[in-house]
Amino acid sequence: MDTFAKPSRRGLLQWGLAAAGLPGFVQAADRASSENAQPGQVSERGGSNVSLKSGASIYYLEDWLGAPWMDSDPVLFLHGNSEISTIWYGWVPRMAQHYRLFRPDLPGFGRSTAPANFDWSLAGFAKFVAEFLDAIGVQSAHIVGAKTGGAIALQFAAAYPQRTRSIVVASGPFGPLDPKTELNTQLVRLGSAASKAEMDYFDKMRDDVIPETKHQLTRMLASIVVEPLLARISAPALIITSDRSALQSVDTVLKYQTQIPNSRLLVLTSDAYHVAVANADECVTNTLKFYGHPAGG
């Protein structure tokens, strides 16, 4: 049975104050705690820091909206390149009613650091996932990955089958994406329904990535190869893509999805590549159905 850290007294107090309609007090408490936060303690916005054996310091968010005396199966979310854990905001309200969610910033992104000898490869990131699960006391989890996080999810499922309950890949890069500038705009990635404020937010995330991480991820993505992994994946897999993405065609995704033994393909009506954000509600509905909730939650 998987184990989880017990909620802190402060966390329970914060939950109670928020429920009582005192968000200003909660925000002030968050700011005060973040000034003196140490690894493993609650820090700003309710997140925590954990140190891994490899030397990485990982910031993560944990979400559980079920009854406070109950627990549930864990789901680990892996964001894409040039992003942080907040991109899963659209998944939390419904998913966290059924599952305990863990949303880390990947090494080198956001508030997480990567050690000097970090292995910037899919295998290196899969090892990170295993170390992170160890650090939070989780033996196995459902893995959800978007974009580059989807490729990491495939690698993890192939390398650690006993620790993978299932995988959901939302627009995972099955191969190097077209590097042309016109195909790398947020409009193309997030779709025509994205607002300017949303695109600006994602541009800022991209611009905030430190140079070393940008350099290493550019090298990794240029040589990404997932074909040797696919036949080794034994966990149930749901692959989600869109029908009108300029970055990745349905035929391309289908070519890879059919090589994963126990998998299914879901094609959403959308012109966005990043369906985990642009079509979050549809992704959640179908993920919950995939997990065995007939009505999608």
C-alpha atoms as a PDB file:
ATOM      1  CA  MET A   1       0.000   0.000   0.000  1.00  0.00           C
ATOM      2  CA  ASP A   2       1.287   3.459  -0.919  1.00  0.00           C
ATOM      3  CA  THR A   3       2.023   5.819   1.938  1.00  0.00           C
ATOM      4  CA  PHE A   4       1.808   9.576   2.074  1.00  0.00           C
ATOM      5  CA  ALA A   5       3.068  12.267   4.404  1.00  0.00           C
ATOM      6  CA  LYS A   6       0.473  13.322   6.950  1.00  0.00           C
ATOM      7  CA  PRO A   7      -0.860  16.879   6.475  1.00  0.00           C
ATOM      8  CA  SER A   8       0.881  19.398   8.684  1.00  0.00           C
ATOM      9  CA  ARG A   9      -0.922  21.241  11.481  1.00  0.00           C
ATOM     10  CA  ARG A  10      -0.368  24.437   9.553  1.00  0.00           C
ATOM     11  CA  GLY A  11      -1.822  22.851   6.411  1.00  0.00           C
ATOM     12  CA  LEU A  12      -4.979  21.847   8.266  1.00  0.00           C
ATOM     13  CA  LEU A  13      -5.224  25.331   9.791  1.00  0.00           C
ATOM     14  CA  GLN A  14      -4.825  26.898   6.374  1.00  0.00           C
ATOM     15  CA  TRP A  15      -7.546  24.675   4.912  1.00  0.00           C
ATOM     16  CA  GLY A  16      -9.888  25.644   7.725  1.00  0.00           C
ATOM     17  CA  LEU A  17      -9.232  29.362   7.312  1.00  0.00           C
ATOM     18  CA  ALA A  18      -9.807  29.173   3.575  1.00  0.00           C
ATOM     19  CA  ALA A  19     -13.064  27.315   4.134  1.00  0.00           C
ATOM     20  CA  ALA A  20     -14.068  30.020   6.597  1.00  0.00           C
ATOM     21  CA  GLY A  21     -13.569  32.696   3.955  1.00  0.00           C
ATOM     22  CA  LEU A  22     -10.266  34.172   5.124  1.00  0.00           C
ATOM     23  CA  PRO A  23      -8.059  33.944   1.994  1.00  0.00           C
ATOM     24  CA  GLY A  24      -6.105  37.096   2.899  1.00  0.00           C
ATOM     25  CA  PHE A  25      -4.891  35.506   6.127  1.00  0.00           C
ATOM     26  CA  VAL A  26      -3.945  32.334   4.251  1.00  0.00           C
ATOM     27  CA  GLN A  27      -1.925  34.280   1.675  1.00  0.00           C
ATOM     28  CA  ALA A  28      -0.131  36.168   4.425  1.00  0.00           C
ATOM     29  CA  ALA A  29       0.656  32.893   6.180  1.00  0.00           C
ATOM     30  CA  ASP A  30       2.014  31.489   2.923  1.00  0.00           C
ATOM     31  CA  ARG A  31       4.277  34.480   2.416  1.00  0.00           C
ATOM     32  CA  ALA A  32       5.544  34.342   5.980  1.00  0.00           C
ATOM     33  CA  SER A  33       6.297  30.634   5.790  1.00  0.00           C
ATOM     34  CA  SER A  34       8.076  30.916   2.440  1.00  0.00           C
ATOM     35  CA  GLU A  35      10.629  33.341   3.895  1.00  0.00           C
ATOM     36  CA  ASN A  36      11.974  30.635   6.220  1.00  0.00           C
ATOM     37  CA  ALA A  37      11.053  27.507   4.245  1.00  0.00           C
ATOM     38  CA  GLN A  38      13.514  24.627   4.326  1.00  0.00           C
ATOM     39  CA  PRO A  39      13.486  21.469   2.172  1.00  0.00           C
ATOM     40  CA  GLY A  40      10.563  19.304   3.226  1.00  0.00           C
ATOM     41  CA  GLN A  41       8.634  22.211   4.759  1.00  0.00           C
ATOM     42  CA  VAL A  42       5.585  23.943   3.349  1.00  0.00           C
ATOM     43  CA  SER A  43       6.612  26.960   1.284  1.00  0.00           C
ATOM     44  CA  GLU A  44       4.863  29.646  -0.750  1.00  0.00           C
ATOM     45  CA  ARG A  45       1.471  28.751  -2.238  1.00  0.00           C
ATOM     46  CA  GLY A  46       1.304  25.569  -0.200  1.00  0.00           C
ATOM     47  CA  GLY A  47       4.097  23.818  -2.085  1.00  0.00           C
ATOM     48  CA  SER A  48       6.847  21.712  -0.554  1.00  0.00           C
ATOM     49  CA  ASN A  49      10.525  21.104  -1.241  1.00  0.00           C
ATOM     50  CA  VAL A  50      12.157  17.702  -1.116  1.00  0.00           C
ATOM     51  CA  SER A  51      15.825  16.761  -1.599  1.00  0.00           C
ATOM     52  CA  LEU A  52      16.598  13.707  -3.719  1.00  0.00           C
ATOM     53  CA  LYS A  53      19.519  11.302  -3.386  1.00  0.00           C
ATOM     54  CA  SER A  54      20.925  12.601  -6.668  1.00  0.00           C
ATOM     55  CA  GLY A  55      21.262  16.089  -5.198  1.00  0.00           C
ATOM     56  CA  ALA A  56      18.259  17.644  -6.915  1.00  0.00           C
ATOM     57  CA  SER A  57      15.987  19.892  -4.854  1.00  0.00           C
ATOM     58  CA  ILE A  58      12.413  19.510  -6.067  1.00  0.00           C
ATOM     59  CA  TYR A  59       9.521  21.874  -5.492  1.00  0.00           C
ATOM     60  CA  TYR A  60       6.092  20.271  -5.817  1.00  0.00           C
ATOM     61  CA  LEU A  61       2.404  20.849  -5.197  1.00  0.00           C
ATOM     62  CA  GLU A  62       0.151  18.232  -3.612  1.00  0.00           C
ATOM     63  CA  ASP A  63      -3.621  18.312  -4.098  1.00  0.00           C
ATOM     64  CA  TRP A  64      -6.346  16.266  -2.393  1.00  0.00           C
ATOM     65  CA  LEU A  65      -9.932  17.548  -2.271  1.00  0.00           C
ATOM     66  CA  GLY A  66     -11.528  14.449  -0.830  1.00  0.00           C
ATOM     67  CA  ALA A  67     -12.500  13.920   2.781  1.00  0.00           C
ATOM     68  CA  PRO A  68      -9.537  14.835   5.029  1.00  0.00           C
ATOM     69  CA  TRP A  69      -9.713  11.490   6.874  1.00  0.00           C
ATOM     70  CA  MET A  70      -9.437   9.509   3.624  1.00  0.00           C
ATOM     71  CA  ASP A  71      -6.601   8.812   1.195  1.00  0.00           C
ATOM     72  CA  SER A  72      -6.541   7.823  -2.459  1.00  0.00           C
ATOM     73  CA  ASP A  73      -4.367   6.524  -5.265  1.00  0.00           C
ATOM     74  CA  PRO A  74      -1.550   8.852  -6.361  1.00  0.00           C
ATOM     75  CA  VAL A  75      -1.290  10.585  -9.744  1.00  0.00           C
ATOM     76  CA  LEU A  76       2.011  12.179 -10.772  1.00  0.00           C
ATOM     77  CA  PHE A  77       1.956  15.008 -13.323  1.00  0.00           C
ATOM     78  CA  LEU A  78       4.944  15.794 -15.567  1.00  0.00           C
ATOM     79  CA  HIS A  79       4.896  19.163 -17.346  1.00  0.00           C
ATOM     80  CA  GLY A  80       6.519  19.989 -20.660  1.00  0.00           C
ATOM     81  CA  ASN A  81       9.581  21.952 -21.678  1.00  0.00           C
ATOM     82  CA  SER A  82       9.663  25.663 -20.732  1.00  0.00           C
ATOM     83  CA  GLU A  83       6.894  25.155 -18.163  1.00  0.00           C
ATOM     84  CA  ILE A  84       6.271  24.554 -14.460  1.00  0.00           C
ATOM     85  CA  SER A  85       3.779  22.606 -12.370  1.00  0.00           C
ATOM     86  CA  THR A  86       1.069  25.293 -12.529  1.00  0.00           C
ATOM     87  CA  ILE A  87       0.088  24.326 -16.087  1.00  0.00           C
ATOM     88  CA  TRP A  88      -2.057  21.520 -14.647  1.00  0.00           C
ATOM     89  CA  TYR A  89      -4.448  24.018 -13.015  1.00  0.00           C
ATOM     90  CA  GLY A  90      -7.371  22.839 -15.170  1.00  0.00           C
ATOM     91  CA  TRP A  91      -6.996  19.242 -13.993  1.00  0.00           C
ATOM     92  CA  VAL A  92      -6.962  19.816 -10.250  1.00  0.00           C
ATOM     93  CA  PRO A  93     -10.573  20.673  -9.300  1.00  0.00           C
ATOM     94  CA  ARG A  94     -12.054  17.415 -10.590  1.00  0.00           C
ATOM     95  CA  MET A  95      -9.104  15.042 -10.456  1.00  0.00           C
ATOM     96  CA  ALA A  96      -8.248  15.892  -6.851  1.00  0.00           C
ATOM     97  CA  GLN A  97     -11.733  14.849  -5.738  1.00  0.00           C
ATOM     98  CA  HIS A  98     -10.812  11.264  -6.614  1.00  0.00           C
ATOM     99  CA  TYR A  99      -6.998  11.060  -6.482  1.00  0.00           C
ATOM    100  CA  ARG A 100      -4.072  12.537  -4.585  1.00  0.00           C
ATOM    101  CA  LEU A 101      -2.179  14.657  -7.091  1.00  0.00           C
ATOM    102  CA  PHE A 102       1.554  15.408  -7.104  1.00  0.00           C
ATOM    103  CA  ARG A 103       2.770  18.187  -9.413  1.00  0.00           C
ATOM    104  CA  PRO A 104       6.541  18.747  -9.324  1.00  0.00           C
ATOM    105  CA  ASP A 105       8.581  21.335 -11.165  1.00  0.00           C
ATOM    106  CA  LEU A 106      10.979  19.164 -13.162  1.00  0.00           C
ATOM    107  CA  PRO A 107      14.712  19.495 -12.361  1.00  0.00           C
ATOM    108  CA  GLY A 108      16.045  22.792 -13.673  1.00  0.00           C
ATOM    109  CA  PHE A 109      12.577  24.322 -14.034  1.00  0.00           C
ATOM    110  CA  GLY A 110      10.688  26.721 -11.786  1.00  0.00           C
ATOM    111  CA  ARG A 111      11.765  26.295  -8.160  1.00  0.00           C
ATOM    112  CA  SER A 112      13.457  22.939  -8.683  1.00  0.00           C
ATOM    113  CA  THR A 113      17.206  22.594  -9.143  1.00  0.00           C
ATOM    114  CA  ALA A 114      19.230  20.000 -11.002  1.00  0.00           C
ATOM    115  CA  PRO A 115      22.623  18.803  -9.720  1.00  0.00           C
ATOM    116  CA  ALA A 116      25.704  19.579 -11.786  1.00  0.00           C
ATOM    117  CA  ASN A 117      25.945  15.954 -12.934  1.00  0.00           C
ATOM    118  CA  PHE A 118      22.269  15.587 -13.868  1.00  0.00           C
ATOM    119  CA  ASP A 119      21.648  13.235 -16.796  1.00  0.00           C
ATOM    120  CA  TRP A 120      19.763  15.392 -19.302  1.00  0.00           C
ATOM    121  CA  SER A 121      18.116  12.525 -21.156  1.00  0.00           C
ATOM    122  CA  LEU A 122      14.791  10.695 -21.058  1.00  0.00           C
ATOM    123  CA  ALA A 123      16.482   7.999 -18.979  1.00  0.00           C
ATOM    124  CA  GLY A 124      17.800  10.635 -16.580  1.00  0.00           C
ATOM    125  CA  PHE A 125      14.365  12.171 -16.142  1.00  0.00           C
ATOM    126  CA  ALA A 126      12.802   8.727 -15.623  1.00  0.00           C
ATOM    127  CA  LYS A 127      15.333   8.106 -12.851  1.00  0.00           C
ATOM    128  CA  PHE A 128      14.329  11.456 -11.362  1.00  0.00           C
ATOM    129  CA  VAL A 129      10.673  10.335 -11.327  1.00  0.00           C
ATOM    130  CA  ALA A 130      11.643   7.154  -9.448  1.00  0.00           C
ATOM    131  CA  GLU A 131      13.679   9.163  -6.927  1.00  0.00           C
ATOM    132  CA  PHE A 132      10.870  11.657  -6.444  1.00  0.00           C
ATOM    133  CA  LEU A 133       8.336   8.883  -5.789  1.00  0.00           C
ATOM    134  CA  ASP A 134      10.753   7.399  -3.251  1.00  0.00           C
ATOM    135  CA  ALA A 135      11.133  10.769  -1.539  1.00  0.00           C
ATOM    136  CA  ILE A 136       7.367  11.272  -1.124  1.00  0.00           C
ATOM    137  CA  GLY A 137       6.778   7.666  -0.053  1.00  0.00           C
ATOM    138  CA  VAL A 138       4.896   6.418  -3.117  1.00  0.00           C
ATOM    139  CA  GLN A 139       5.636   2.938  -4.485  1.00  0.00           C
ATOM    140  CA  SER A 140       3.623   3.251  -7.731  1.00  0.00           C
ATOM    141  CA  ALA A 141       1.463   5.885  -9.368  1.00  0.00           C
ATOM    142  CA  HIS A 142      -0.618   6.826 -12.362  1.00  0.00           C
ATOM    143  CA  ILE A 143       1.619   9.004 -14.561  1.00  0.00           C
ATOM    144  CA  VAL A 144       0.266  11.912 -16.633  1.00  0.00           C
ATOM    145  CA  GLY A 145       2.618  13.772 -18.964  1.00  0.00           C
ATOM    146  CA  ALA A 146       2.222  16.663 -21.388  1.00  0.00           C
ATOM    147  CA  LYS A 147       4.551  17.332 -24.316  1.00  0.00           C
ATOM    148  CA  THR A 148       8.103  16.539 -23.118  1.00  0.00           C
ATOM    149  CA  GLY A 149       6.537  15.239 -19.906  1.00  0.00           C
ATOM    150  CA  GLY A 150       4.687  12.717 -22.051  1.00  0.00           C
ATOM    151  CA  ALA A 151       7.943  11.393 -23.470  1.00  0.00           C
ATOM    152  CA  ILE A 152       9.315  11.124 -19.925  1.00  0.00           C
ATOM    153  CA  ALA A 153       6.172   9.211 -18.931  1.00  0.00           C
ATOM    154  CA  LEU A 154       6.774   6.722 -21.769  1.00  0.00           C
ATOM    155  CA  GLN A 155      10.401   6.256 -20.688  1.00  0.00           C
ATOM    156  CA  PHE A 156       9.390   5.775 -17.055  1.00  0.00           C
ATOM    157  CA  ALA A 157       6.697   3.239 -17.931  1.00  0.00           C
ATOM    158  CA  ALA A 158       9.187   1.227 -19.986  1.00  0.00           C
ATOM    159  CA  ALA A 159      11.975   1.374 -17.390  1.00  0.00           C
ATOM    160  CA  TYR A 160       9.865   1.019 -14.215  1.00  0.00           C
ATOM    161  CA  PRO A 161       6.830  -1.141 -15.102  1.00  0.00           C
ATOM    162  CA  GLN A 162       6.156  -2.154 -11.493  1.00  0.00           C
ATOM    163  CA  ARG A 163       5.908   1.485 -10.457  1.00  0.00           C
ATOM    164  CA  THR A 164       3.575   2.536 -13.287  1.00  0.00           C
ATOM    165  CA  ARG A 165      -0.151   1.975 -12.748  1.00  0.00           C
ATOM    166  CA  SER A 166      -1.063   3.671 -16.024  1.00  0.00           C
ATOM    167  CA  ILE A 167       0.109   6.480 -18.263  1.00  0.00           C
ATOM    168  CA  VAL A 168      -1.729   9.324 -19.947  1.00  0.00           C
ATOM    169  CA  VAL A 169       0.206  11.220 -22.604  1.00  0.00           C
ATOM    170  CA  ALA A 170      -1.305  14.528 -23.719  1.00  0.00           C
ATOM    171  CA  SER A 171       0.477  15.691 -26.886  1.00  0.00           C
ATOM    172  CA  GLY A 172       3.728  13.971 -26.071  1.00  0.00           C
ATOM    173  CA  PRO A 173       6.566  14.612 -28.542  1.00  0.00           C
ATOM    174  CA  PHE A 174       7.112  11.266 -30.207  1.00  0.00           C
ATOM    175  CA  GLY A 175       9.929  12.784 -32.222  1.00  0.00           C
ATOM    176  CA  PRO A 176      11.652  16.158 -32.714  1.00  0.00           C
ATOM    177  CA  LEU A 177       9.123  18.886 -33.447  1.00  0.00           C
ATOM    178  CA  ASP A 178       9.472  21.256 -36.379  1.00  0.00           C
ATOM    179  CA  PRO A 179      11.942  23.933 -35.199  1.00  0.00           C
ATOM    180  CA  LYS A 180      10.623  26.657 -37.532  1.00  0.00           C
ATOM    181  CA  THR A 181       9.927  29.876 -35.649  1.00  0.00           C
ATOM    182  CA  GLU A 182       6.413  30.251 -37.028  1.00  0.00           C
ATOM    183  CA  LEU A 183       5.490  26.860 -35.578  1.00  0.00           C
ATOM    184  CA  ASN A 184       6.755  27.682 -32.108  1.00  0.00           C
ATOM    185  CA  THR A 185       4.390  30.525 -31.212  1.00  0.00           C
ATOM    186  CA  GLN A 186       2.049  30.169 -28.262  1.00  0.00           C
ATOM    187  CA  LEU A 187      -0.872  30.684 -30.653  1.00  0.00           C
ATOM    188  CA  VAL A 188       0.033  27.458 -32.434  1.00  0.00           C
ATOM    189  CA  ARG A 189       0.769  25.599 -29.200  1.00  0.00           C
ATOM    190  CA  LEU A 190      -2.256  26.803 -27.212  1.00  0.00           C
ATOM    191  CA  GLY A 191      -4.705  27.186 -30.100  1.00  0.00           C
ATOM    192  CA  SER A 192      -6.853  29.970 -31.476  1.00  0.00           C
ATOM    193  CA  ALA A 193      -9.051  30.096 -28.344  1.00  0.00           C
ATOM    194  CA  ALA A 194      -6.129  31.194 -26.135  1.00  0.00           C
ATOM    195  CA  SER A 195      -6.273  34.762 -24.831  1.00  0.00           C
ATOM    196  CA  LYS A 196      -3.378  37.206 -25.003  1.00  0.00           C
ATOM    197  CA  ALA A 197      -3.017  36.992 -21.215  1.00  0.00           C
ATOM    198  CA  GLU A 198      -2.701  33.204 -21.434  1.00  0.00           C
ATOM    199  CA  MET A 199      -0.107  33.389 -24.195  1.00  0.00           C
ATOM    200  CA  ASP A 200       1.816  36.038 -22.250  1.00  0.00           C
ATOM    201  CA  TYR A 201       1.832  33.757 -19.189  1.00  0.00           C
ATOM    202  CA  PHE A 202       3.338  30.884 -21.181  1.00  0.00           C
ATOM    203  CA  ASP A 203       5.850  33.221 -22.827  1.00  0.00           C
ATOM    204  CA  LYS A 204       6.976  34.342 -19.365  1.00  0.00           C
ATOM    205  CA  MET A 205       7.414  30.742 -18.219  1.00  0.00           C
ATOM    206  CA  ARG A 206       9.561  30.120 -21.276  1.00  0.00           C
ATOM    207  CA  ASP A 207      11.617  33.266 -20.713  1.00  0.00           C
ATOM    208  CA  ASP A 208      12.166  32.409 -17.031  1.00  0.00           C
ATOM    209  CA  VAL A 209      13.892  29.093 -17.789  1.00  0.00           C
ATOM    210  CA  ILE A 210      17.574  29.345 -16.882  1.00  0.00           C
ATOM    211  CA  PRO A 211      20.071  29.215 -19.803  1.00  0.00           C
ATOM    212  CA  GLU A 212      21.623  25.870 -18.783  1.00  0.00           C
ATOM    213  CA  THR A 213      18.242  24.142 -18.737  1.00  0.00           C
ATOM    214  CA  LYS A 214      17.325  25.665 -22.113  1.00  0.00           C
ATOM    215  CA  HIS A 215      20.596  24.459 -23.580  1.00  0.00           C
ATOM    216  CA  GLN A 216      20.301  20.939 -22.229  1.00  0.00           C
ATOM    217  CA  LEU A 217      16.629  20.491 -23.191  1.00  0.00           C
ATOM    218  CA  THR A 218      17.271  21.780 -26.718  1.00  0.00           C
ATOM    219  CA  ARG A 219      19.935  19.097 -27.130  1.00  0.00           C
ATOM    220  CA  MET A 220      17.731  16.398 -25.631  1.00  0.00           C
ATOM    221  CA  LEU A 221      14.675  17.201 -27.733  1.00  0.00           C
ATOM    222  CA  ALA A 222      16.690  17.346 -30.947  1.00  0.00           C
ATOM    223  CA  SER A 223      17.652  13.707 -30.517  1.00  0.00           C
ATOM    224  CA  ILE A 224      14.575  12.289 -28.820  1.00  0.00           C
ATOM    225  CA  VAL A 225      13.751   8.706 -29.881  1.00  0.00           C
ATOM    226  CA  VAL A 226      10.913   6.787 -28.259  1.00  0.00           C
ATOM    227  CA  GLU A 227      10.366   3.904 -30.700  1.00  0.00           C
ATOM    228  CA  PRO A 228      12.544   1.400 -28.753  1.00  0.00           C
ATOM    229  CA  LEU A 229      10.483   2.076 -25.609  1.00  0.00           C
ATOM    230  CA  LEU A 230       6.987   1.516 -26.905  1.00  0.00           C
ATOM    231  CA  ALA A 231       6.779  -2.279 -27.087  1.00  0.00           C
ATOM    232  CA  ARG A 232       8.191  -2.492 -23.536  1.00  0.00           C
ATOM    233  CA  ILE A 233       5.315  -0.521 -21.996  1.00  0.00           C
ATOM    234  CA  SER A 234       2.966  -2.887 -20.190  1.00  0.00           C
ATOM    235  CA  ALA A 235       0.833  -0.382 -18.265  1.00  0.00           C
ATOM    236  CA  PRO A 236      -2.513   0.731 -19.720  1.00  0.00           C
ATOM    237  CA  ALA A 237      -1.933   3.869 -21.786  1.00  0.00           C
ATOM    238  CA  LEU A 238      -4.151   6.658 -23.054  1.00  0.00           C
ATOM    239  CA  ILE A 239      -2.661   8.860 -25.768  1.00  0.00           C
ATOM    240  CA  ILE A 240      -4.445  12.187 -26.329  1.00  0.00           C
ATOM    241  CA  THR A 241      -3.920  14.441 -29.339  1.00  0.00           C
ATOM    242  CA  SER A 242      -5.848  16.967 -31.441  1.00  0.00           C
ATOM    243  CA  ASP A 243      -7.151  16.747 -34.987  1.00  0.00           C
ATOM    244  CA  ARG A 244      -5.828  20.073 -36.306  1.00  0.00           C
ATOM    245  CA  SER A 245      -2.484  20.659 -34.588  1.00  0.00           C
ATOM    246  CA  ALA A 246       0.137  22.292 -36.816  1.00  0.00           C
ATOM    247  CA  LEU A 247       2.906  20.640 -34.776  1.00  0.00           C
ATOM    248  CA  GLN A 248       1.894  16.984 -34.786  1.00  0.00           C
ATOM    249  CA  SER A 249      -0.515  15.170 -37.103  1.00  0.00           C
ATOM    250  CA  VAL A 250      -2.935  12.446 -36.029  1.00  0.00           C
ATOM    251  CA  ASP A 251      -1.204  10.040 -38.444  1.00  0.00           C
ATOM    252  CA  THR A 252       2.115  10.667 -36.714  1.00  0.00           C
ATOM    253  CA  VAL A 253       0.660  10.007 -33.267  1.00  0.00           C
ATOM    254  CA  LEU A 254      -1.228   6.929 -34.514  1.00  0.00           C
ATOM    255  CA  LYS A 255       1.997   5.479 -35.885  1.00  0.00           C
ATOM    256  CA  TYR A 256       3.525   5.491 -32.401  1.00  0.00           C
ATOM    257  CA  GLN A 257       0.398   4.740 -30.344  1.00  0.00           C
ATOM    258  CA  THR A 258      -0.247   1.458 -32.158  1.00  0.00           C
ATOM    259  CA  GLN A 259       3.170   0.208 -31.030  1.00  0.00           C
ATOM    260  CA  ILE A 260       2.159   0.473 -27.348  1.00  0.00           C
ATOM    261  CA  PRO A 261       0.525  -2.882 -26.495  1.00  0.00           C
ATOM    262  CA  ASN A 262      -2.268  -1.871 -24.117  1.00  0.00           C
ATOM    263  CA  SER A 263      -3.120   1.585 -25.411  1.00  0.00           C
ATOM    264  CA  ARG A 264      -5.883   3.638 -26.901  1.00  0.00           C
ATOM    265  CA  LEU A 265      -5.891   6.895 -28.870  1.00  0.00           C
ATOM    266  CA  LEU A 266      -8.174   9.841 -28.153  1.00  0.00           C
ATOM    267  CA  VAL A 267      -8.398  12.572 -30.804  1.00  0.00           C
ATOM    268  CA  LEU A 268      -9.933  15.846 -29.632  1.00  0.00           C
ATOM    269  CA  THR A 269     -11.434  18.499 -31.899  1.00  0.00           C
ATOM    270  CA  SER A 270      -8.939  21.316 -31.479  1.00  0.00           C
ATOM    271  CA  ASP A 271      -6.306  23.347 -33.327  1.00  0.00           C
ATOM    272  CA  ALA A 272      -4.063  23.366 -30.231  1.00  0.00           C
ATOM    273  CA  TYR A 273      -1.008  21.185 -29.769  1.00  0.00           C
ATOM    274  CA  HIS A 274      -0.966  21.602 -25.978  1.00  0.00           C
ATOM    275  CA  VAL A 275      -4.305  19.886 -25.307  1.00  0.00           C
ATOM    276  CA  ALA A 276      -3.509  19.371 -21.606  1.00  0.00           C
ATOM    277  CA  VAL A 277      -4.074  23.127 -21.242  1.00  0.00           C
ATOM    278  CA  ALA A 278      -6.296  24.076 -24.182  1.00  0.00           C
ATOM    279  CA  ASN A 279      -8.681  21.139 -23.730  1.00  0.00           C
ATOM    280  CA  ALA A 280      -8.135  20.425 -20.050  1.00  0.00           C
ATOM    281  CA  ASP A 281     -11.763  19.637 -19.213  1.00  0.00           C
ATOM    282  CA  GLU A 282     -12.100  17.083 -22.021  1.00  0.00           C
ATOM    283  CA  CYS A 283      -8.762  15.558 -21.042  1.00  0.00           C
ATOM    284  CA  VAL A 284      -9.890  15.203 -17.421  1.00  0.00           C
ATOM    285  CA  THR A 285     -13.248  13.672 -18.382  1.00  0.00           C
ATOM    286  CA  ASN A 286     -11.590  11.058 -20.542  1.00  0.00           C
ATOM    287  CA  THR A 287      -8.766  10.406 -18.094  1.00  0.00           C
ATOM    288  CA  LEU A 288     -11.274   9.717 -15.318  1.00  0.00           C
ATOM    289  CA  LYS A 289     -13.176   7.363 -17.640  1.00  0.00           C
ATOM    290  CA  PHE A 290      -9.869   5.684 -18.450  1.00  0.00           C
ATOM    291  CA  TYR A 291      -9.277   5.231 -14.710  1.00  0.00           C
ATOM    292  CA  GLY A 292     -12.670   3.566 -14.344  1.00  0.00           C
ATOM    293  CA  HIS A 293     -15.077   6.397 -13.556  1.00  0.00           C
ATOM    294  CA  PRO A 294     -17.923   5.713 -16.068  1.00  0.00           C
ATOM    295  CA  ALA A 295     -19.288   9.254 -16.192  1.00  0.00           C
ATOM    296  CA  GLY A 296     -15.876  10.889 -16.253  1.00  0.00           C
ATOM    297  CA  GLY A 297     -16.015  12.037 -12.654  1.00  0.00           C
END
